[in-house]
PDB file of N, CA and C in Angstrom:
ATOM      1  N   MET A   1      46.490  30.053 172.786  1.00  0.00           N
ATOM      2  CA  MET A   1      46.624  28.525 172.767  1.00  0.00           C
ATOM      3  C   MET A   1      46.671  28.127 174.153  1.00  0.00           C
ATOM      4  N   ILE A   2      45.680  27.178 174.426  1.00  0.00           N
ATOM      5  CA  ILE A   2      45.640  26.345 175.797  1.00  0.00           C
ATOM      6  C   ILE A   2      46.555  25.145 175.736  1.00  0.00           C
ATOM      7  N   VAL A   3      47.351  25.153 176.828  1.00  0.00           N
ATOM      8  CA  VAL A   3      48.499  23.836 176.859  1.00  0.00           C
ATOM      9  C   VAL A   3      48.521  23.720 178.404  1.00  0.00           C
ATOM     10  N   ASN A   4      49.122  22.591 178.627  1.00  0.00           N
ATOM     11  CA  ASN A   4      49.494  21.891 179.992  1.00  0.00           C
ATOM     12  C   ASN A   4      50.707  22.420 180.433  1.00  0.00           C
ATOM     13  N   LEU A   5      50.816  22.862 181.752  1.00  0.00           N
ATOM     14  CA  LEU A   5      51.896  23.258 182.335  1.00  0.00           C
ATOM     15  C   LEU A   5      52.482  22.299 183.429  1.00  0.00           C
ATOM     16  N   ILE A   6      53.659  21.903 183.338  1.00  0.00           N
ATOM     17  CA  ILE A   6      54.279  21.162 184.459  1.00  0.00           C
ATOM     18  C   ILE A   6      55.417  22.103 185.010  1.00  0.00           C
ATOM     19  N   THR A   7      55.832  21.829 186.155  1.00  0.00           N
ATOM     20  CA  THR A   7      56.883  22.511 186.873  1.00  0.00           C
ATOM     21  C   THR A   7      57.783  21.590 187.496  1.00  0.00           C
ATOM     22  N   GLY A   8      58.965  21.900 187.855  1.00  0.00           N
ATOM     23  CA  GLY A   8      60.030  21.126 188.443  1.00  0.00           C
ATOM     24  C   GLY A   8      61.222  21.891 188.738  1.00  0.00           C
ATOM     25  N   ARG A   9      62.326  21.215 189.272  1.00  0.00           N
ATOM     26  CA  ARG A   9      63.502  21.654 189.469  1.00  0.00           C
ATOM     27  C   ARG A   9      64.369  21.428 188.465  1.00  0.00           C
ATOM     28  N   THR A  10      65.227  22.365 188.136  1.00  0.00           N
ATOM     29  CA  THR A  10      66.511  22.194 187.220  1.00  0.00           C
ATOM     30  C   THR A  10      67.765  22.300 187.940  1.00  0.00           C
ATOM     31  N   VAL A  11      68.809  21.876 187.169  1.00  0.00           N
ATOM     32  CA  VAL A  11      70.146  22.096 187.761  1.00  0.00           C
ATOM     33  C   VAL A  11      70.481  23.383 187.763  1.00  0.00           C
ATOM     34  N   TRP A  12      70.180  24.140 186.592  1.00  0.00           N
ATOM     35  CA  TRP A  12      70.568  25.574 186.567  1.00  0.00           C
ATOM     36  C   TRP A  12      69.826  26.371 187.432  1.00  0.00           C
ATOM     37  N   GLN A  13      68.499  26.082 187.567  1.00  0.00           N
ATOM     38  CA  GLN A  13      67.791  26.885 188.554  1.00  0.00           C
ATOM     39  C   GLN A  13      68.334  26.661 189.909  1.00  0.00           C
ATOM     40  N   GLY A  14      68.699  25.442 190.277  1.00  0.00           N
ATOM     41  CA  GLY A  14      69.274  25.211 191.644  1.00  0.00           C
ATOM     42  C   GLY A  14      70.586  25.879 191.931  1.00  0.00           C
ATOM     43  N   GLN A  15      71.573  25.723 190.836  1.00  0.00           N
ATOM     44  CA  GLN A  15      72.692  26.715 190.737  1.00  0.00           C
ATOM     45  C   GLN A  15      72.455  28.105 191.039  1.00  0.00           C
ATOM     46  N   ALA A  16      71.523  28.676 190.272  1.00  0.00           N
ATOM     47  CA  ALA A  16      71.422  30.071 190.257  1.00  0.00           C
ATOM     48  C   ALA A  16      70.703  30.481 191.529  1.00  0.00           C
ATOM     49  N   ILE A  17      69.920  29.800 192.048  1.00  0.00           N
ATOM     50  CA  ILE A  17      69.233  30.224 193.467  1.00  0.00           C
ATOM     51  C   ILE A  17      70.258  30.194 194.551  1.00  0.00           C
ATOM     52  N   GLU A  18      71.243  29.470 194.512  1.00  0.00           N
ATOM     53  CA  GLU A  18      72.352  29.545 195.391  1.00  0.00           C
ATOM     54  C   GLU A  18      73.316  30.659 195.363  1.00  0.00           C
ATOM     55  N   SER A  19      73.407  31.161 194.021  1.00  0.00           N
ATOM     56  CA  SER A  19      74.068  32.576 193.734  1.00  0.00           C
ATOM     57  C   SER A  19      73.378  33.769 194.325  1.00  0.00           C
ATOM     58  N   GLY A  20      71.991  33.683 194.136  1.00  0.00           N
ATOM     59  CA  GLY A  20      71.300  34.740 194.654  1.00  0.00           C
ATOM     60  C   GLY A  20      70.068  35.150 193.831  1.00  0.00           C
ATOM     61  N   LYS A  21      68.844  35.270 194.448  1.00  0.00           N
ATOM     62  CA  LYS A  21      67.585  35.308 193.654  1.00  0.00           C
ATOM     63  C   LYS A  21      67.596  36.699 193.075  1.00  0.00           C
ATOM     64  N   ASP A  22      68.301  37.733 193.483  1.00  0.00           N
ATOM     65  CA  ASP A  22      68.157  38.972 192.622  1.00  0.00           C
ATOM     66  C   ASP A  22      69.176  39.160 191.563  1.00  0.00           C
ATOM     67  N   LEU A  23      69.896  37.956 191.237  1.00  0.00           N
ATOM     68  CA  LEU A  23      70.763  38.134 189.996  1.00  0.00           C
ATOM     69  C   LEU A  23      70.065  37.749 188.761  1.00  0.00           C
ATOM     70  N   LYS A  24      70.707  38.510 187.635  1.00  0.00           N
ATOM     71  CA  LYS A  24      70.140  38.007 186.350  1.00  0.00           C
ATOM     72  C   LYS A  24      70.466  36.615 186.043  1.00  0.00           C
ATOM     73  N   MET A  25      71.454  35.931 186.605  1.00  0.00           N
ATOM     74  CA  MET A  25      71.611  34.552 186.494  1.00  0.00           C
ATOM     75  C   MET A  25      70.379  33.711 186.914  1.00  0.00           C
ATOM     76  N   TYR A  26      69.680  34.211 188.184  1.00  0.00           N
ATOM     77  CA  TYR A  26      68.417  33.490 188.502  1.00  0.00           C
ATOM     78  C   TYR A  26      67.266  33.708 187.418  1.00  0.00           C
ATOM     79  N   VAL A  27      67.178  35.011 187.096  1.00  0.00           N
ATOM     80  CA  VAL A  27      66.196  35.199 186.091  1.00  0.00           C
ATOM     81  C   VAL A  27      66.258  34.402 184.843  1.00  0.00           C
ATOM     82  N   ASN A  28      67.481  34.209 184.211  1.00  0.00           N
ATOM     83  CA  ASN A  28      67.661  33.442 183.143  1.00  0.00           C
ATOM     84  C   ASN A  28      67.604  32.083 183.363  1.00  0.00           C
ATOM     85  N   ALA A  29      67.599  31.396 184.468  1.00  0.00           N
ATOM     86  CA  ALA A  29      67.414  30.091 184.879  1.00  0.00           C
ATOM     87  C   ALA A  29      65.962  29.600 185.339  1.00  0.00           C
ATOM     88  N   ALA A  30      65.376  30.678 185.864  1.00  0.00           N
ATOM     89  CA  ALA A  30      63.903  30.333 186.423  1.00  0.00           C
ATOM     90  C   ALA A  30      62.772  31.202 185.806  1.00  0.00           C
ATOM     91  N   ALA A  31      62.976  32.056 185.003  1.00  0.00           N
ATOM     92  CA  ALA A  31      61.880  32.869 184.522  1.00  0.00           C
ATOM     93  C   ALA A  31      61.800  32.605 182.969  1.00  0.00           C
ATOM     94  N   ILE A  32      61.847  31.205 182.645  1.00  0.00           N
ATOM     95  CA  ILE A  32      61.721  30.707 181.252  1.00  0.00           C
ATOM     96  C   ILE A  32      60.679  29.600 181.129  1.00  0.00           C
ATOM     97  N   ALA A  33      60.145  29.416 179.979  1.00  0.00           N
ATOM     98  CA  ALA A  33      59.368  28.236 179.772  1.00  0.00           C
ATOM     99  C   ALA A  33      59.951  27.491 178.477  1.00  0.00           C
ATOM    100  N   HIS A  34      60.070  26.222 178.739  1.00  0.00           N
ATOM    101  CA  HIS A  34      60.596  25.288 177.732  1.00  0.00           C
ATOM    102  C   HIS A  34      59.479  24.833 176.824  1.00  0.00           C
ATOM    103  N   ILE A  35      59.556  25.152 175.596  1.00  0.00           N
ATOM    104  CA  ILE A  35      58.482  24.906 174.586  1.00  0.00           C
ATOM    105  C   ILE A  35      59.205  24.121 173.425  1.00  0.00           C
ATOM    106  N   SER A  36      58.300  23.349 172.842  1.00  0.00           N
ATOM    107  CA  SER A  36      58.751  22.570 171.807  1.00  0.00           C
ATOM    108  C   SER A  36      58.863  23.323 170.345  1.00  0.00           C
ATOM    109  N   ASP A  37      59.763  23.129 169.585  1.00  0.00           N
ATOM    110  CA  ASP A  37      59.839  23.814 168.286  1.00  0.00           C
ATOM    111  C   ASP A  37      58.610  23.847 167.460  1.00  0.00           C
ATOM    112  N   GLU A  38      57.784  22.760 167.612  1.00  0.00           N
ATOM    113  CA  GLU A  38      56.496  22.701 166.862  1.00  0.00           C
ATOM    114  C   GLU A  38      55.423  23.864 167.670  1.00  0.00           C
ATOM    115  N   MET A  39      55.468  23.752 168.898  1.00  0.00           N
ATOM    116  CA  MET A  39      54.523  24.729 169.593  1.00  0.00           C
ATOM    117  C   MET A  39      54.924  26.222 169.251  1.00  0.00           C
ATOM    118  N   MET A  40      56.274  26.511 169.366  1.00  0.00           N
ATOM    119  CA  MET A  40      56.632  27.808 169.058  1.00  0.00           C
ATOM    120  C   MET A  40      56.364  28.283 167.654  1.00  0.00           C
ATOM    121  N   SER A  41      56.317  27.215 166.622  1.00  0.00           N
ATOM    122  CA  SER A  41      56.082  27.549 165.351  1.00  0.00           C
ATOM    123  C   SER A  41      54.451  27.953 165.226  1.00  0.00           C
ATOM    124  N   GLN A  42      53.625  27.182 166.077  1.00  0.00           N
ATOM    125  CA  GLN A  42      52.312  27.521 166.052  1.00  0.00           C
ATOM    126  C   GLN A  42      51.904  28.886 166.712  1.00  0.00           C
ATOM    127  N   LEU A  43      52.786  29.244 167.678  1.00  0.00           N
ATOM    128  CA  LEU A  43      52.659  30.392 168.316  1.00  0.00           C
ATOM    129  C   LEU A  43      53.193  31.696 167.494  1.00  0.00           C
ATOM    130  N   GLY A  44      54.013  31.300 166.558  1.00  0.00           N
ATOM    131  CA  GLY A  44      54.613  32.200 165.656  1.00  0.00           C
ATOM    132  C   GLY A  44      55.762  33.104 166.664  1.00  0.00           C
ATOM    133  N   ILE A  45      56.533  32.223 167.445  1.00  0.00           N
ATOM    134  CA  ILE A  45      57.508  32.900 168.200  1.00  0.00           C
ATOM    135  C   ILE A  45      58.863  32.077 167.810  1.00  0.00           C
ATOM    136  N   LYS A  46      59.947  32.821 168.305  1.00  0.00           N
ATOM    137  CA  LYS A  46      61.277  32.129 168.256  1.00  0.00           C
ATOM    138  C   LYS A  46      61.881  31.997 169.777  1.00  0.00           C
ATOM    139  N   SER A  47      62.814  31.050 170.038  1.00  0.00           N
ATOM    140  CA  SER A  47      63.370  31.053 171.244  1.00  0.00           C
ATOM    141  C   SER A  47      63.989  32.265 171.555  1.00  0.00           C
ATOM    142  N   GLY A  48      63.719  32.857 172.851  1.00  0.00           N
ATOM    143  CA  GLY A  48      64.220  34.051 173.390  1.00  0.00           C
ATOM    144  C   GLY A  48      63.211  35.102 173.371  1.00  0.00           C
ATOM    145  N   GLN A  49      61.990  34.830 172.732  1.00  0.00           N
ATOM    146  CA  GLN A  49      60.904  35.815 172.848  1.00  0.00           C
ATOM    147  C   GLN A  49      60.147  35.531 174.056  1.00  0.00           C
ATOM    148  N   ASN A  50      59.386  36.692 174.362  1.00  0.00           N
ATOM    149  CA  ASN A  50      58.603  36.757 175.674  1.00  0.00           C
ATOM    150  C   ASN A  50      57.246  36.103 175.352  1.00  0.00           C
ATOM    151  N   ILE A  51      56.779  35.401 176.274  1.00  0.00           N
ATOM    152  CA  ILE A  51      55.323  34.957 176.182  1.00  0.00           C
ATOM    153  C   ILE A  51      54.709  35.327 177.723  1.00  0.00           C
ATOM    154  N   LYS A  52      53.134  35.347 177.491  1.00  0.00           N
ATOM    155  CA  LYS A  52      52.667  35.508 178.713  1.00  0.00           C
ATOM    156  C   LYS A  52      51.906  34.284 178.972  1.00  0.00           C
ATOM    157  N   ILE A  53      51.889  33.706 180.241  1.00  0.00           N
ATOM    158  CA  ILE A  53      50.976  32.552 180.490  1.00  0.00           C
ATOM    159  C   ILE A  53      50.001  33.104 181.498  1.00  0.00           C
ATOM    160  N   VAL A  54      48.590  32.890 181.097  1.00  0.00           N
ATOM    161  CA  VAL A  54      47.629  33.133 181.984  1.00  0.00           C
ATOM    162  C   VAL A  54      47.023  31.700 182.419  1.00  0.00           C
ATOM    163  N   ALA A  55      46.645  31.714 183.858  1.00  0.00           N
ATOM    164  CA  ALA A  55      46.071  30.561 184.336  1.00  0.00           C
ATOM    165  C   ALA A  55      45.131  30.885 185.444  1.00  0.00           C
ATOM    166  N   TYR A  56      44.295  30.071 185.943  1.00  0.00           N
ATOM    167  CA  TYR A  56      43.306  30.343 187.074  1.00  0.00           C
ATOM    168  C   TYR A  56      44.124  30.964 188.382  1.00  0.00           C
ATOM    169  N   GLY A  57      45.409  30.722 188.658  1.00  0.00           N
ATOM    170  CA  GLY A  57      46.151  31.201 189.692  1.00  0.00           C
ATOM    171  C   GLY A  57      46.681  32.485 189.454  1.00  0.00           C
ATOM    172  N   GLY A  58      46.800  33.109 188.254  1.00  0.00           N
ATOM    173  CA  GLY A  58      47.484  34.247 187.948  1.00  0.00           C
ATOM    174  C   GLY A  58      48.035  34.333 186.487  1.00  0.00           C
ATOM    175  N   GLU A  59      48.779  35.289 186.439  1.00  0.00           N
ATOM    176  CA  GLU A  59      49.430  35.441 185.179  1.00  0.00           C
ATOM    177  C   GLU A  59      50.945  35.852 185.186  1.00  0.00           C
ATOM    178  N   VAL A  60      51.750  35.587 184.293  1.00  0.00           N
ATOM    179  CA  VAL A  60      53.326  35.856 184.377  1.00  0.00           C
ATOM    180  C   VAL A  60      53.941  36.027 182.877  1.00  0.00           C
ATOM    181  N   VAL A  61      54.896  36.837 182.755  1.00  0.00           N
ATOM    182  CA  VAL A  61      55.578  37.013 181.429  1.00  0.00           C
ATOM    183  C   VAL A  61      56.916  36.167 181.577  1.00  0.00           C
ATOM    184  N   LEU A  62      57.113  35.262 180.750  1.00  0.00           N
ATOM    185  CA  LEU A  62      58.389  34.622 180.714  1.00  0.00           C
ATOM    186  C   LEU A  62      59.120  34.570 179.438  1.00  0.00           C
ATOM    187  N   LYS A  63      60.272  34.204 179.465  1.00  0.00           N
ATOM    188  CA  LYS A  63      61.099  34.085 178.034  1.00  0.00           C
ATOM    189  C   LYS A  63      60.833  32.562 177.492  1.00  0.00           C
ATOM    190  N   ALA A  64      60.459  32.484 176.304  1.00  0.00           N
ATOM    191  CA  ALA A  64      60.421  31.081 175.660  1.00  0.00           C
ATOM    192  C   ALA A  64      61.568  30.553 175.232  1.00  0.00           C
ATOM    193  N   VAL A  65      62.111  29.326 175.590  1.00  0.00           N
ATOM    194  CA  VAL A  65      63.211  28.716 175.157  1.00  0.00           C
ATOM    195  C   VAL A  65      62.937  27.373 174.717  1.00  0.00           C
ATOM    196  N   ASN A  66      63.707  26.911 173.505  1.00  0.00           N
ATOM    197  CA  ASN A  66      63.502  25.519 172.966  1.00  0.00           C
ATOM    198  C   ASN A  66      63.912  24.509 174.062  1.00  0.00           C
ATOM    199  N   THR A  67      62.991  23.651 174.134  1.00  0.00           N
ATOM    200  CA  THR A  67      63.207  22.614 174.917  1.00  0.00           C
ATOM    201  C   THR A  67      64.319  21.583 174.460  1.00  0.00           C
ATOM    202  N   LYS A  68      64.961  21.175 175.264  1.00  0.00           N
ATOM    203  CA  LYS A  68      66.125  20.067 175.031  1.00  0.00           C
ATOM    204  C   LYS A  68      65.515  18.741 175.069  1.00  0.00           C
ATOM    205  N   GLU A  69      64.490  18.583 176.107  1.00  0.00           N
ATOM    206  CA  GLU A  69      63.944  17.311 176.316  1.00  0.00           C
ATOM    207  C   GLU A  69      62.613  17.159 175.612  1.00  0.00           C
ATOM    208  N   THR A  70      62.229  15.963 175.406  1.00  0.00           N
ATOM    209  CA  THR A  70      60.867  15.658 174.757  1.00  0.00           C
ATOM    210  C   THR A  70      59.886  15.923 175.821  1.00  0.00           C
ATOM    211  N   LEU A  71      58.897  16.666 175.519  1.00  0.00           N
ATOM    212  CA  LEU A  71      57.708  17.028 176.245  1.00  0.00           C
ATOM    213  C   LEU A  71      56.489  16.302 175.782  1.00  0.00           C
ATOM    214  N   PRO A  72      55.602  15.867 176.689  1.00  0.00           N
ATOM    215  CA  PRO A  72      54.360  15.512 176.137  1.00  0.00           C
ATOM    216  C   PRO A  72      53.586  16.568 175.174  1.00  0.00           C
ATOM    217  N   GLU A  73      52.796  16.090 174.283  1.00  0.00           N
ATOM    218  CA  GLU A  73      52.178  16.840 173.414  1.00  0.00           C
ATOM    219  C   GLU A  73      51.369  18.076 174.053  1.00  0.00           C
ATOM    220  N   ASP A  74      51.468  19.065 173.629  1.00  0.00           N
ATOM    221  CA  ASP A  74      50.810  20.396 174.176  1.00  0.00           C
ATOM    222  C   ASP A  74      50.985  20.573 175.821  1.00  0.00           C
ATOM    223  N   THR A  75      52.352  20.485 175.899  1.00  0.00           N
ATOM    224  CA  THR A  75      52.860  20.674 177.248  1.00  0.00           C
ATOM    225  C   THR A  75      53.994  21.562 177.353  1.00  0.00           C
ATOM    226  N   ILE A  76      54.175  22.437 178.342  1.00  0.00           N
ATOM    227  CA  ILE A  76      55.375  23.247 178.497  1.00  0.00           C
ATOM    228  C   ILE A  76      55.922  23.041 179.923  1.00  0.00           C
ATOM    229  N   TYR A  77      57.083  23.336 180.177  1.00  0.00           N
ATOM    230  CA  TYR A  77      57.803  23.118 181.365  1.00  0.00           C
ATOM    231  C   TYR A  77      58.458  24.483 181.863  1.00  0.00           C
ATOM    232  N   VAL A  78      58.088  24.864 182.952  1.00  0.00           N
ATOM    233  CA  VAL A  78      58.536  26.030 183.787  1.00  0.00           C
ATOM    234  C   VAL A  78      59.319  25.616 185.059  1.00  0.00           C
ATOM    235  N   PRO A  79      60.597  26.048 185.202  1.00  0.00           N
ATOM    236  CA  PRO A  79      61.269  25.690 186.425  1.00  0.00           C
ATOM    237  C   PRO A  79      60.508  26.278 187.728  1.00  0.00           C
ATOM    238  N   MET A  80      60.441  25.419 188.752  1.00  0.00           N
ATOM    239  CA  MET A  80      59.908  26.148 189.989  1.00  0.00           C
ATOM    240  C   MET A  80      60.520  27.395 190.427  1.00  0.00           C
ATOM    241  N   GLY A  81      59.756  28.121 190.999  1.00  0.00           N
ATOM    242  CA  GLY A  81      60.342  29.486 191.405  1.00  0.00           C
ATOM    243  C   GLY A  81      59.292  30.470 191.507  1.00  0.00           C
ATOM    244  N   PRO A  82      59.603  31.685 191.698  1.00  0.00           N
ATOM    245  CA  PRO A  82      58.565  32.801 191.931  1.00  0.00           C
ATOM    246  C   PRO A  82      57.733  33.066 190.768  1.00  0.00           C
ATOM    247  N   TRP A  83      58.375  32.803 189.429  1.00  0.00           N
ATOM    248  CA  TRP A  83      57.576  33.006 188.253  1.00  0.00           C
ATOM    249  C   TRP A  83      56.497  31.910 188.118  1.00  0.00           C
ATOM    250  N   ALA A  84      56.903  30.661 188.094  1.00  0.00           N
ATOM    251  CA  ALA A  84      56.147  29.595 188.065  1.00  0.00           C
ATOM    252  C   ALA A  84      54.910  29.779 189.233  1.00  0.00           C
ATOM    253  N   ASN A  85      55.212  30.215 190.288  1.00  0.00           N
ATOM    254  CA  ASN A  85      54.399  30.303 191.449  1.00  0.00           C
ATOM    255  C   ASN A  85      53.065  31.319 191.121  1.00  0.00           C
ATOM    256  N   ARG A  86      53.410  32.093 190.227  1.00  0.00           N
ATOM    257  CA  ARG A  86      52.419  33.030 189.748  1.00  0.00           C
ATOM    258  C   ARG A  86      51.206  32.445 188.957  1.00  0.00           C
ATOM    259  N   VAL A  87      51.469  31.191 188.616  1.00  0.00           N
ATOM    260  CA  VAL A  87      50.574  30.590 187.705  1.00  0.00           C
ATOM    261  C   VAL A  87      49.919  29.253 188.165  1.00  0.00           C
ATOM    262  N   VAL A  88      50.631  28.921 189.464  1.00  0.00           N
ATOM    263  CA  VAL A  88      50.192  27.393 190.057  1.00  0.00           C
ATOM    264  C   VAL A  88      48.798  27.670 190.576  1.00  0.00           C
ATOM    265  N   ASP A  89      48.071  26.804 190.257  1.00  0.00           N
ATOM    266  CA  ASP A  89      46.680  26.790 190.794  1.00  0.00           C
ATOM    267  C   ASP A  89      46.563  26.687 192.449  1.00  0.00           C
ATOM    268  N   PRO A  90      46.246  27.750 193.263  1.00  0.00           N
ATOM    269  CA  PRO A  90      46.141  27.836 194.449  1.00  0.00           C
ATOM    270  C   PRO A  90      45.271  26.845 195.386  1.00  0.00           C
ATOM    271  N   THR A  91      44.427  26.050 194.494  1.00  0.00           N
ATOM    272  CA  THR A  91      43.567  25.089 195.038  1.00  0.00           C
ATOM    273  C   THR A  91      44.184  23.980 195.762  1.00  0.00           C
ATOM    274  N   LEU A  92      44.114  23.619 197.016  1.00  0.00           N
ATOM    275  CA  LEU A  92      45.050  22.548 197.625  1.00  0.00           C
ATOM    276  C   LEU A  92      44.296  21.072 197.695  1.00  0.00           C
ATOM    277  N   ASN A  93      43.091  20.961 197.167  1.00  0.00           N
ATOM    278  CA  ASN A  93      42.426  19.687 197.091  1.00  0.00           C
ATOM    279  C   ASN A  93      42.547  18.937 198.176  1.00  0.00           C
ATOM    280  N   SER A  94      42.541  19.434 199.381  1.00  0.00           N
ATOM    281  CA  SER A  94      42.630  18.648 200.801  1.00  0.00           C
ATOM    282  C   SER A  94      44.117  17.952 200.699  1.00  0.00           C
ATOM    283  N   THR A  95      45.134  18.545 200.283  1.00  0.00           N
ATOM    284  CA  THR A  95      46.458  18.024 200.329  1.00  0.00           C
ATOM    285  C   THR A  95      47.403  18.979 201.018  1.00  0.00           C
ATOM    286  N   ALA A  96      46.978  20.242 201.349  1.00  0.00           N
ATOM    287  CA  ALA A  96      47.913  21.159 201.959  1.00  0.00           C
ATOM    288  C   ALA A  96      48.931  21.561 200.990  1.00  0.00           C
ATOM    289  N   MET A  97      48.739  21.207 199.752  1.00  0.00           N
ATOM    290  CA  MET A  97      49.925  21.709 198.932  1.00  0.00           C
ATOM    291  C   MET A  97      49.236  21.898 197.542  1.00  0.00           C
ATOM    292  N   PRO A  98      49.732  23.083 196.850  1.00  0.00           N
ATOM    293  CA  PRO A  98      49.050  23.212 195.570  1.00  0.00           C
ATOM    294  C   PRO A  98      49.737  22.338 194.462  1.00  0.00           C
ATOM    295  N   SER A  99      49.030  22.177 193.317  1.00  0.00           N
ATOM    296  CA  SER A  99      49.517  21.160 192.225  1.00  0.00           C
ATOM    297  C   SER A  99      50.594  21.840 191.474  1.00  0.00           C
ATOM    298  N   PHE A 100      51.775  21.276 191.250  1.00  0.00           N
ATOM    299  CA  PHE A 100      52.658  21.953 190.270  1.00  0.00           C
ATOM    300  C   PHE A 100      52.822  21.382 188.999  1.00  0.00           C
ATOM    301  N   LYS A 101      51.932  20.505 188.648  1.00  0.00           N
ATOM    302  CA  LYS A 101      51.856  19.630 187.460  1.00  0.00           C
ATOM    303  C   LYS A 101      50.422  19.857 186.794  1.00  0.00           C
ATOM    304  N   ASN A 102      50.350  19.593 185.578  1.00  0.00           N
ATOM    305  CA  ASN A 102      49.060  19.404 184.848  1.00  0.00           C
ATOM    306  C   ASN A 102      48.116  20.667 185.095  1.00  0.00           C
ATOM    307  N   ILE A 103      48.737  21.799 184.901  1.00  0.00           N
ATOM    308  CA  ILE A 103      48.118  23.021 185.070  1.00  0.00           C
ATOM    309  C   ILE A 103      47.583  23.517 183.747  1.00  0.00           C
ATOM    310  N   PRO A 104      46.255  23.731 183.517  1.00  0.00           N
ATOM    311  CA  PRO A 104      45.894  24.202 182.061  1.00  0.00           C
ATOM    312  C   PRO A 104      46.120  25.725 182.240  1.00  0.00           C
ATOM    313  N   VAL A 105      46.917  26.260 180.908  1.00  0.00           N
ATOM    314  CA  VAL A 105      47.277  27.562 180.910  1.00  0.00           C
ATOM    315  C   VAL A 105      46.974  27.941 179.610  1.00  0.00           C
ATOM    316  N   GLU A 106      46.846  29.243 179.355  1.00  0.00           N
ATOM    317  CA  GLU A 106      46.733  29.924 177.942  1.00  0.00           C
ATOM    318  C   GLU A 106      48.176  30.629 177.779  1.00  0.00           C
ATOM    319  N   ILE A 107      48.717  30.423 176.763  1.00  0.00           N
ATOM    320  CA  ILE A 107      49.949  31.038 176.348  1.00  0.00           C
ATOM    321  C   ILE A 107      49.948  32.027 175.087  1.00  0.00           C
ATOM    322  N   MET A 108      50.626  33.027 175.148  1.00  0.00           N
ATOM    323  CA  MET A 108      50.560  33.888 173.852  1.00  0.00           C
ATOM    324  C   MET A 108      51.936  34.863 173.865  1.00  0.00           C
ATOM    325  N   PRO A 109      52.304  35.055 172.657  1.00  0.00           N
ATOM    326  CA  PRO A 109      53.367  36.027 172.492  1.00  0.00           C
ATOM    327  C   PRO A 109      53.044  37.466 173.089  1.00  0.00           C
ATOM    328  N   THR A 110      54.177  38.088 173.742  1.00  0.00           N
ATOM    329  CA  THR A 110      53.690  39.453 174.330  1.00  0.00           C
ATOM    330  C   THR A 110      54.934  40.364 174.196  1.00  0.00           C
ATOM    331  N   ASP A 111      54.784  41.620 174.018  1.00  0.00           N
ATOM    332  CA  ASP A 111      55.802  42.556 174.071  1.00  0.00           C
ATOM    333  C   ASP A 111      56.120  42.909 175.706  1.00  0.00           C
ATOM    334  N   GLU A 112      55.506  42.508 176.519  1.00  0.00           N
ATOM    335  CA  GLU A 112      55.719  42.777 178.007  1.00  0.00           C
ATOM    336  C   GLU A 112      57.008  42.172 178.301  1.00  0.00           C
ATOM    337  N   GLU A 113      57.824  42.917 179.344  1.00  0.00           N
ATOM    338  CA  GLU A 113      59.017  42.538 179.858  1.00  0.00           C
ATOM    339  C   GLU A 113      58.926  41.341 180.806  1.00  0.00           C
ATOM    340  N   VAL A 114      59.931  40.484 181.015  1.00  0.00           N
ATOM    341  CA  VAL A 114      60.125  39.604 182.132  1.00  0.00           C
ATOM    342  C   VAL A 114      60.603  40.507 183.309  1.00  0.00           C
ATOM    343  N   LEU A 115      59.868  40.192 184.404  1.00  0.00           N
ATOM    344  CA  LEU A 115      60.352  40.907 185.617  1.00  0.00           C
ATOM    345  C   LEU A 115      61.443  40.201 186.410  1.00  0.00           C
ATOM    346  N   ASP A 116      62.233  41.155 187.016  1.00  0.00           N
ATOM    347  CA  ASP A 116      63.355  40.393 187.860  1.00  0.00           C
ATOM    348  C   ASP A 116      62.573  40.047 189.129  1.00  0.00           C
ATOM    349  N   MET A 117      63.199  39.153 189.835  1.00  0.00           N
ATOM    350  CA  MET A 117      62.668  38.848 191.076  1.00  0.00           C
ATOM    351  C   MET A 117      62.184  39.857 192.103  1.00  0.00           C
ATOM    352  N   PRO A 118      62.987  40.704 192.307  1.00  0.00           N
ATOM    353  CA  PRO A 118      62.499  41.914 193.328  1.00  0.00           C
ATOM    354  C   PRO A 118      61.477  42.569 192.701  1.00  0.00           C
ATOM    355  N   THR A 119      61.383  43.018 191.533  1.00  0.00           N
ATOM    356  CA  THR A 119      60.198  43.617 190.982  1.00  0.00           C
ATOM    357  C   THR A 119      58.994  42.714 190.872  1.00  0.00           C
ATOM    358  N   LEU A 120      59.231  41.480 190.625  1.00  0.00           N
ATOM    359  CA  LEU A 120      58.108  40.611 190.669  1.00  0.00           C
ATOM    360  C   LEU A 120      57.301  40.545 191.858  1.00  0.00           C
ATOM    361  N   MET A 121      58.042  40.420 193.034  1.00  0.00           N
ATOM    362  CA  MET A 121      57.656  40.522 194.320  1.00  0.00           C
ATOM    363  C   MET A 121      56.778  41.790 194.752  1.00  0.00           C
ATOM    364  N   LYS A 122      57.290  42.890 194.264  1.00  0.00           N
ATOM    365  CA  LYS A 122      56.774  44.152 194.576  1.00  0.00           C
ATOM    366  C   LYS A 122      55.592  44.340 193.704  1.00  0.00           C
ATOM    367  N   VAL A 123      55.458  44.210 192.665  1.00  0.00           N
ATOM    368  CA  VAL A 123      54.386  44.223 191.570  1.00  0.00           C
ATOM    369  C   VAL A 123      53.130  43.287 192.273  1.00  0.00           C
ATOM    370  N   TYR A 124      53.337  42.030 192.659  1.00  0.00           N
ATOM    371  CA  TYR A 124      52.376  41.279 193.261  1.00  0.00           C
ATOM    372  C   TYR A 124      52.220  41.497 194.877  1.00  0.00           C
ATOM    373  N   GLY A 125      52.779  42.580 195.268  1.00  0.00           N
ATOM    374  CA  GLY A 125      52.546  42.847 196.745  1.00  0.00           C
ATOM    375  C   GLY A 125      53.032  41.833 197.631  1.00  0.00           C
ATOM    376  N   LYS A 126      54.224  41.252 197.562  1.00  0.00           N
ATOM    377  CA  LYS A 126      54.775  40.303 198.313  1.00  0.00           C
ATOM    378  C   LYS A 126      55.812  40.772 199.263  1.00  0.00           C
ATOM    379  N   VAL A 127      56.307  42.164 198.883  1.00  0.00           N
ATOM    380  CA  VAL A 127      57.200  42.802 199.892  1.00  0.00           C
ATOM    381  C   VAL A 127      56.717  44.249 200.157  1.00  0.00           C
TER     382      VAL A 127
END
């Protein structure tokens, strides 16, 4: 399913980042995708299941969670952080900053595991 991805800060992600990026608390706050009940039904998944997000910029596995906010149709929300950065379009469009909003992505259920932050960095050659 092709959808629109937006990213941004959350209170929980901000609190968890202060506690430590290598903690499970940070993974639980940032390695998630907020998805509407309707979209979860279309994908055949339930809250807590893993999904793979594939974009021009890369791919990542996240845990799907029911959104508590109303999102625009065909849109998912991922908190900013190393997981979101795996799928952000690296094109700068003369702004010196990648776009963190309106990113077309494909999402699908997966049995792959969500990586913790240190492992995510190792897998993608960042450490």
